[in-house]
N, C-alpha and C. Protein backbone atom coordinates (compact mmCIF):
# COMPACT_ATOMS: atom_id res chain seq x y z
N MET A 1 131.32 117.39 98.83
CA MET A 1 129.95 117.30 98.33
C MET A 1 129.16 118.53 98.79
N PRO A 2 128.55 119.24 97.85
CA PRO A 2 127.79 120.44 98.24
C PRO A 2 126.53 120.04 99.02
N LEU A 3 126.14 120.89 99.93
CA LEU A 3 124.94 120.64 100.72
C LEU A 3 123.72 120.96 99.86
N LYS A 4 122.75 120.06 99.87
CA LYS A 4 121.61 120.17 98.96
C LYS A 4 120.72 121.37 99.24
N TRP A 5 120.80 121.92 100.41
CA TRP A 5 119.94 123.04 100.75
C TRP A 5 120.62 124.39 100.46
N ARG A 6 121.85 124.37 100.02
CA ARG A 6 122.54 125.61 99.64
C ARG A 6 122.03 126.07 98.28
N VAL A 7 121.96 127.37 98.09
CA VAL A 7 121.49 127.96 96.83
C VAL A 7 122.70 128.28 95.97
N SER A 8 122.72 127.70 94.78
CA SER A 8 123.87 127.94 93.89
C SER A 8 123.85 129.38 93.40
N ASP A 9 124.99 129.84 92.93
CA ASP A 9 125.09 131.21 92.40
C ASP A 9 124.17 131.39 91.20
N GLU A 10 124.06 130.37 90.37
CA GLU A 10 123.19 130.43 89.19
C GLU A 10 121.72 130.62 89.61
N ARG A 11 121.28 129.83 90.58
CA ARG A 11 119.89 129.94 91.05
C ARG A 11 119.66 131.28 91.75
N TRP A 12 120.66 131.74 92.50
CA TRP A 12 120.49 132.99 93.23
C TRP A 12 120.37 134.18 92.27
N GLN A 13 121.06 134.12 91.14
CA GLN A 13 120.92 135.19 90.16
C GLN A 13 119.48 135.32 89.67
N LEU A 14 118.77 134.20 89.59
CA LEU A 14 117.36 134.24 89.19
C LEU A 14 116.47 134.80 90.30
N LEU A 15 116.79 134.46 91.54
CA LEU A 15 115.92 134.78 92.66
C LEU A 15 116.23 136.12 93.33
N GLU A 16 117.46 136.59 93.20
CA GLU A 16 117.86 137.80 93.92
C GLU A 16 116.97 139.01 93.64
N PRO A 17 116.60 139.28 92.36
CA PRO A 17 115.74 140.44 92.14
C PRO A 17 114.36 140.30 92.79
N LEU A 18 113.87 139.09 92.90
CA LEU A 18 112.54 138.87 93.50
C LEU A 18 112.56 139.00 95.01
N LEU A 19 113.59 138.46 95.64
CA LEU A 19 113.62 138.37 97.10
C LEU A 19 114.44 139.49 97.74
N ALA A 20 114.73 140.52 96.98
CA ALA A 20 115.51 141.64 97.52
C ALA A 20 114.74 142.30 98.67
N ASP A 21 115.48 142.73 99.66
CA ASP A 21 114.88 143.39 100.81
C ASP A 21 114.37 144.77 100.43
N PRO A 22 113.31 145.22 101.07
CA PRO A 22 112.86 146.59 100.83
C PRO A 22 113.94 147.56 101.34
N PRO A 23 113.99 148.77 100.79
CA PRO A 23 115.03 149.71 101.24
C PRO A 23 114.85 150.09 102.71
N ARG A 24 115.97 150.30 103.38
CA ARG A 24 115.92 150.68 104.79
C ARG A 24 115.53 152.14 104.92
N ARG A 25 114.91 152.45 106.01
CA ARG A 25 114.56 153.84 106.28
C ARG A 25 115.84 154.65 106.48
N TYR A 26 115.79 155.90 106.07
CA TYR A 26 116.96 156.76 106.26
C TYR A 26 117.11 157.12 107.73
N ARG A 27 116.01 157.52 108.31
CA ARG A 27 116.03 157.90 109.72
C ARG A 27 115.56 156.70 110.54
N TYR A 28 116.26 156.34 111.57
CA TYR A 28 115.95 155.17 112.41
C TYR A 28 115.89 153.89 111.57
N PRO A 29 116.98 153.54 110.95
CA PRO A 29 116.94 152.37 110.06
C PRO A 29 116.79 151.04 110.79
N GLY A 30 117.06 151.01 112.07
CA GLY A 30 116.95 149.75 112.80
C GLY A 30 118.13 148.83 112.51
N ARG A 31 118.04 147.64 113.04
CA ARG A 31 119.12 146.67 112.85
C ARG A 31 119.11 146.17 111.41
N ALA A 32 120.29 145.95 110.85
CA ALA A 32 120.40 145.44 109.48
C ALA A 32 119.81 144.03 109.42
N ARG A 33 119.11 143.76 108.35
CA ARG A 33 118.50 142.44 108.17
C ARG A 33 119.54 141.44 107.68
N TYR A 34 119.28 140.17 107.95
CA TYR A 34 120.12 139.12 107.37
C TYR A 34 119.89 139.10 105.88
N PRO A 35 120.90 138.75 105.11
CA PRO A 35 120.72 138.69 103.66
C PRO A 35 119.62 137.68 103.28
N ALA A 36 118.92 137.99 102.22
CA ALA A 36 117.81 137.14 101.77
C ALA A 36 118.31 135.74 101.40
N ARG A 37 119.49 135.65 100.83
CA ARG A 37 120.02 134.35 100.44
C ARG A 37 120.23 133.45 101.66
N CYS A 38 120.75 134.01 102.73
CA CYS A 38 120.95 133.23 103.96
C CYS A 38 119.61 132.75 104.52
N CYS A 39 118.61 133.62 104.48
CA CYS A 39 117.29 133.23 104.98
C CYS A 39 116.68 132.14 104.11
N LEU A 40 116.85 132.26 102.80
CA LEU A 40 116.34 131.22 101.90
C LEU A 40 117.03 129.89 102.18
N GLU A 41 118.32 129.92 102.39
CA GLU A 41 119.04 128.68 102.70
C GLU A 41 118.59 128.10 104.03
N GLY A 42 118.28 128.95 105.00
CA GLY A 42 117.73 128.46 106.27
C GLY A 42 116.38 127.80 106.09
N ILE A 43 115.53 128.38 105.24
CA ILE A 43 114.23 127.79 104.94
C ILE A 43 114.40 126.45 104.26
N LEU A 44 115.29 126.40 103.28
CA LEU A 44 115.53 125.14 102.57
C LEU A 44 116.13 124.09 103.50
N TYR A 45 116.97 124.51 104.44
CA TYR A 45 117.53 123.57 105.41
C TYR A 45 116.41 122.92 106.22
N VAL A 46 115.47 123.74 106.70
CA VAL A 46 114.35 123.21 107.49
C VAL A 46 113.52 122.25 106.64
N LEU A 47 113.24 122.62 105.40
CA LEU A 47 112.44 121.75 104.53
C LEU A 47 113.16 120.45 104.19
N TYR A 48 114.46 120.56 103.93
CA TYR A 48 115.23 119.37 103.53
C TYR A 48 115.48 118.42 104.69
N THR A 49 115.77 118.95 105.87
CA THR A 49 116.12 118.09 107.00
C THR A 49 114.96 117.81 107.95
N ASP A 50 113.83 118.52 107.76
CA ASP A 50 112.65 118.36 108.63
C ASP A 50 112.98 118.73 110.07
N THR A 51 113.85 119.71 110.23
CA THR A 51 114.22 120.22 111.54
C THR A 51 113.21 121.28 111.98
N PRO A 52 112.75 121.27 113.22
CA PRO A 52 111.87 122.35 113.69
C PRO A 52 112.59 123.70 113.62
N TRP A 53 111.81 124.76 113.39
CA TRP A 53 112.38 126.09 113.26
C TRP A 53 113.29 126.45 114.43
N LEU A 54 112.87 126.14 115.64
CA LEU A 54 113.62 126.56 116.81
C LEU A 54 114.88 125.73 117.05
N GLU A 55 115.06 124.66 116.30
CA GLU A 55 116.23 123.80 116.49
C GLU A 55 117.25 123.88 115.36
N VAL A 56 117.14 124.89 114.53
CA VAL A 56 118.11 125.06 113.44
C VAL A 56 119.47 125.38 114.05
N PRO A 57 120.51 124.60 113.71
CA PRO A 57 121.85 124.88 114.27
C PRO A 57 122.52 126.02 113.50
N TYR A 58 121.97 127.20 113.64
CA TYR A 58 122.36 128.34 112.81
C TYR A 58 123.80 128.77 113.04
N ARG A 59 124.29 128.67 114.25
CA ARG A 59 125.68 129.10 114.50
C ARG A 59 126.67 128.19 113.78
N ASP A 60 126.36 126.89 113.77
CA ASP A 60 127.26 125.93 113.12
C ASP A 60 127.23 126.06 111.60
N LEU A 61 126.07 126.46 111.06
CA LEU A 61 125.89 126.48 109.61
C LEU A 61 126.05 127.85 108.99
N GLY A 62 126.19 128.88 109.81
CA GLY A 62 126.31 130.23 109.29
C GLY A 62 125.00 130.78 108.74
N LEU A 63 123.89 130.34 109.32
CA LEU A 63 122.56 130.77 108.89
C LEU A 63 121.95 131.68 109.93
N PRO A 64 120.89 132.42 109.56
CA PRO A 64 120.13 133.14 110.59
C PRO A 64 119.39 132.13 111.46
N SER A 65 118.85 132.58 112.56
CA SER A 65 118.10 131.66 113.42
C SER A 65 116.87 131.14 112.69
N GLY A 66 116.34 130.03 113.16
CA GLY A 66 115.14 129.45 112.57
C GLY A 66 113.96 130.41 112.62
N GLU A 67 113.84 131.15 113.71
CA GLU A 67 112.75 132.12 113.85
C GLU A 67 112.87 133.22 112.79
N THR A 68 114.08 133.69 112.54
CA THR A 68 114.29 134.71 111.53
C THR A 68 113.90 134.16 110.16
N CYS A 69 114.31 132.95 109.86
CA CYS A 69 113.96 132.32 108.58
C CYS A 69 112.45 132.14 108.46
N ARG A 70 111.80 131.73 109.53
CA ARG A 70 110.35 131.54 109.50
C ARG A 70 109.63 132.86 109.25
N ARG A 71 110.07 133.91 109.93
CA ARG A 71 109.45 135.22 109.73
C ARG A 71 109.65 135.72 108.30
N ARG A 72 110.83 135.49 107.75
CA ARG A 72 111.09 135.91 106.37
C ARG A 72 110.22 135.11 105.40
N LEU A 73 110.03 133.82 105.67
CA LEU A 73 109.13 133.00 104.85
C LEU A 73 107.72 133.55 104.89
N GLU A 74 107.24 133.92 106.07
CA GLU A 74 105.90 134.50 106.19
C GLU A 74 105.81 135.83 105.45
N GLU A 75 106.85 136.63 105.54
CA GLU A 75 106.86 137.92 104.83
C GLU A 75 106.79 137.71 103.33
N TRP A 76 107.63 136.82 102.81
CA TRP A 76 107.65 136.56 101.38
C TRP A 76 106.32 135.99 100.90
N THR A 77 105.72 135.14 101.71
CA THR A 77 104.43 134.55 101.35
C THR A 77 103.35 135.64 101.32
N ALA A 78 103.33 136.50 102.33
CA ALA A 78 102.32 137.56 102.39
C ALA A 78 102.47 138.55 101.23
N ARG A 79 103.69 138.81 100.80
CA ARG A 79 103.94 139.74 99.71
C ARG A 79 103.80 139.08 98.34
N GLY A 80 103.58 137.75 98.29
CA GLY A 80 103.43 137.04 97.03
C GLY A 80 104.76 136.74 96.35
N LEU A 81 105.85 136.97 97.06
CA LEU A 81 107.17 136.77 96.46
C LEU A 81 107.56 135.29 96.37
N LEU A 82 107.12 134.50 97.33
CA LEU A 82 107.47 133.09 97.32
C LEU A 82 106.85 132.39 96.12
N GLU A 83 105.59 132.67 95.86
CA GLU A 83 104.91 132.07 94.71
C GLU A 83 105.59 132.49 93.40
N GLU A 84 105.99 133.76 93.32
CA GLU A 84 106.68 134.24 92.13
C GLU A 84 108.05 133.57 91.97
N ALA A 85 108.77 133.41 93.07
CA ALA A 85 110.08 132.75 93.02
C ALA A 85 109.94 131.30 92.57
N LEU A 86 108.92 130.61 93.07
CA LEU A 86 108.70 129.23 92.65
C LEU A 86 108.34 129.15 91.17
N ARG A 87 107.58 130.11 90.67
CA ARG A 87 107.23 130.14 89.26
C ARG A 87 108.49 130.33 88.41
N VAL A 88 109.36 131.26 88.81
CA VAL A 88 110.59 131.52 88.07
C VAL A 88 111.47 130.26 88.06
N LEU A 89 111.62 129.62 89.20
CA LEU A 89 112.43 128.40 89.26
C LEU A 89 111.84 127.29 88.40
N ARG A 90 110.53 127.13 88.47
CA ARG A 90 109.86 126.09 87.69
C ARG A 90 110.08 126.32 86.20
N GLU A 91 109.94 127.57 85.74
CA GLU A 91 110.16 127.87 84.33
C GLU A 91 111.61 127.64 83.92
N HIS A 92 112.54 128.04 84.78
CA HIS A 92 113.96 127.85 84.48
C HIS A 92 114.30 126.36 84.39
N LEU A 93 113.85 125.59 85.36
CA LEU A 93 114.17 124.17 85.37
C LEU A 93 113.46 123.42 84.25
N ALA A 94 112.24 123.82 83.93
CA ALA A 94 111.52 123.18 82.82
C ALA A 94 112.22 123.50 81.50
N GLY A 95 112.70 124.72 81.34
CA GLY A 95 113.42 125.09 80.13
C GLY A 95 114.72 124.33 79.98
N ALA A 96 115.34 124.00 81.09
CA ALA A 96 116.60 123.23 81.07
C ALA A 96 116.33 121.73 81.08
N GLU A 97 115.05 121.34 81.02
CA GLU A 97 114.62 119.94 81.06
C GLU A 97 115.19 119.21 82.28
N LYS A 98 115.10 119.86 83.44
CA LYS A 98 115.59 119.26 84.69
C LYS A 98 114.46 118.91 85.64
N LEU A 99 113.22 118.98 85.18
CA LEU A 99 112.09 118.60 86.02
C LEU A 99 111.62 117.21 85.64
N ASP A 100 111.43 116.37 86.63
CA ASP A 100 110.94 115.02 86.41
C ASP A 100 109.47 114.99 86.86
N TRP A 101 108.56 115.19 85.92
CA TRP A 101 107.14 115.25 86.25
C TRP A 101 106.56 113.88 86.57
N SER A 102 107.32 112.82 86.37
CA SER A 102 106.80 111.48 86.68
C SER A 102 106.72 111.24 88.19
N ARG A 103 107.35 112.09 88.98
CA ARG A 103 107.34 111.91 90.43
C ARG A 103 106.48 112.94 91.15
N VAL A 104 105.56 113.56 90.43
CA VAL A 104 104.68 114.56 91.02
C VAL A 104 103.66 113.88 91.91
N ILE A 105 103.42 114.46 93.07
CA ILE A 105 102.44 113.92 94.01
C ILE A 105 101.38 114.99 94.25
N VAL A 106 100.13 114.59 94.16
CA VAL A 106 99.04 115.51 94.46
C VAL A 106 98.61 115.24 95.89
N ASP A 107 98.61 116.28 96.70
CA ASP A 107 98.26 116.16 98.10
C ASP A 107 96.77 116.39 98.26
N ALA A 108 96.05 115.38 98.68
CA ALA A 108 94.60 115.48 98.81
C ALA A 108 94.17 116.42 99.92
N SER A 109 95.08 116.77 100.82
CA SER A 109 94.69 117.67 101.90
C SER A 109 94.46 119.09 101.38
N LEU A 110 94.86 119.37 100.14
CA LEU A 110 94.65 120.68 99.56
C LEU A 110 93.34 120.78 98.77
N VAL A 111 92.64 119.66 98.62
CA VAL A 111 91.40 119.63 97.87
C VAL A 111 90.24 119.76 98.84
N ASP A 112 89.28 120.63 98.52
CA ASP A 112 88.13 120.81 99.39
C ASP A 112 87.30 119.54 99.47
N ALA A 113 86.92 119.20 100.69
CA ALA A 113 86.01 118.08 100.89
C ALA A 113 84.60 118.65 100.92
N LYS A 114 83.74 118.13 100.09
CA LYS A 114 82.37 118.64 100.01
C LYS A 114 81.56 118.09 101.16
N LYS A 115 80.93 118.99 101.89
CA LYS A 115 80.11 118.56 103.02
C LYS A 115 78.88 117.81 102.53
N GLY A 116 78.62 116.70 103.14
CA GLY A 116 77.44 115.92 102.81
C GLY A 116 77.58 115.07 101.56
N ALA A 117 78.76 115.08 100.93
CA ALA A 117 78.95 114.27 99.74
C ALA A 117 79.01 112.80 100.12
N THR A 118 78.39 111.96 99.32
CA THR A 118 78.45 110.52 99.58
C THR A 118 79.75 109.97 99.04
N ARG A 119 80.22 108.96 99.67
CA ARG A 119 81.48 108.35 99.26
C ARG A 119 81.26 107.52 98.01
N SER A 120 82.19 107.61 97.10
CA SER A 120 82.08 106.86 95.86
C SER A 120 82.25 105.38 96.13
N ARG A 121 81.43 104.57 95.46
CA ARG A 121 81.55 103.11 95.60
C ARG A 121 82.45 102.51 94.53
N ALA A 122 82.91 103.34 93.62
CA ALA A 122 83.78 102.85 92.56
C ALA A 122 85.13 102.46 93.14
N ARG A 123 85.67 101.38 92.64
CA ARG A 123 86.99 100.95 93.09
C ARG A 123 88.05 101.72 92.33
N SER A 124 89.10 102.03 93.01
CA SER A 124 90.20 102.77 92.39
C SER A 124 91.00 101.83 91.50
N TRP A 125 91.35 102.31 90.31
CA TRP A 125 92.16 101.50 89.41
C TRP A 125 93.59 101.40 89.91
N ALA A 126 93.99 102.35 90.79
CA ALA A 126 95.37 102.35 91.29
C ALA A 126 95.58 101.25 92.33
N GLY A 127 94.54 100.91 93.07
CA GLY A 127 94.63 99.84 94.05
C GLY A 127 95.63 100.14 95.15
N PRO A 128 96.29 99.13 95.67
CA PRO A 128 97.21 99.31 96.80
C PRO A 128 98.40 100.21 96.47
N ALA A 129 98.76 100.32 95.21
CA ALA A 129 99.91 101.15 94.85
C ALA A 129 99.68 102.61 95.19
N ALA A 130 98.43 103.04 95.23
CA ALA A 130 98.14 104.44 95.54
C ALA A 130 98.28 104.75 97.02
N ALA A 131 98.35 103.74 97.86
CA ALA A 131 98.42 103.96 99.29
C ALA A 131 99.82 104.23 99.78
N THR A 132 100.81 104.06 98.93
CA THR A 132 102.19 104.25 99.36
C THR A 132 102.93 105.16 98.39
N THR A 133 103.92 105.86 98.86
CA THR A 133 104.74 106.70 98.00
C THR A 133 106.12 106.11 97.78
N TRP A 134 106.35 104.93 98.29
CA TRP A 134 107.66 104.30 98.13
C TRP A 134 107.80 103.78 96.70
N PRO A 135 109.00 103.92 96.11
CA PRO A 135 109.21 103.44 94.73
C PRO A 135 109.18 101.94 94.63
C-alpha cells in the first residue's frame, strides 16, 4: 500500500517546474540542498500524521529533517510558490473530477472578527450539526 503522503510521479511532473530550486552560485555554492520533492513529502508527512516538525523520523523515511522541511515551506510560502502549486493541483484534480466539494470546511478563524459588532440573535438553521465535523 503506497503511503498517502508520498508524491506520485504524475503529481510531481505538475509541481516540479514550480518548486524547482534556484540555481546554485558558481563561486562558494555551499552545501547541496535536499531535492524539492523530498521536502514536499516531508511537509505532507507532517500534515498527514500531525507530527511536530522536530519529531519527523527522517532517517527511517528517507526524508530531510523536519526543520529543513519547515524552512523550505516558509521559503515557498514567501516566494508565492506554495499558493501557485496548490492552484495547479486544484485545477488538475478538478479537471479530472477528483475533487469532492461536498466535504469542504470553512474555517472561521480565517474570517475577520469585527470589533464592537453585536452578536446575531438569529438562530442557525444548521443547529447542532454545525458544531461537529464527524460524518
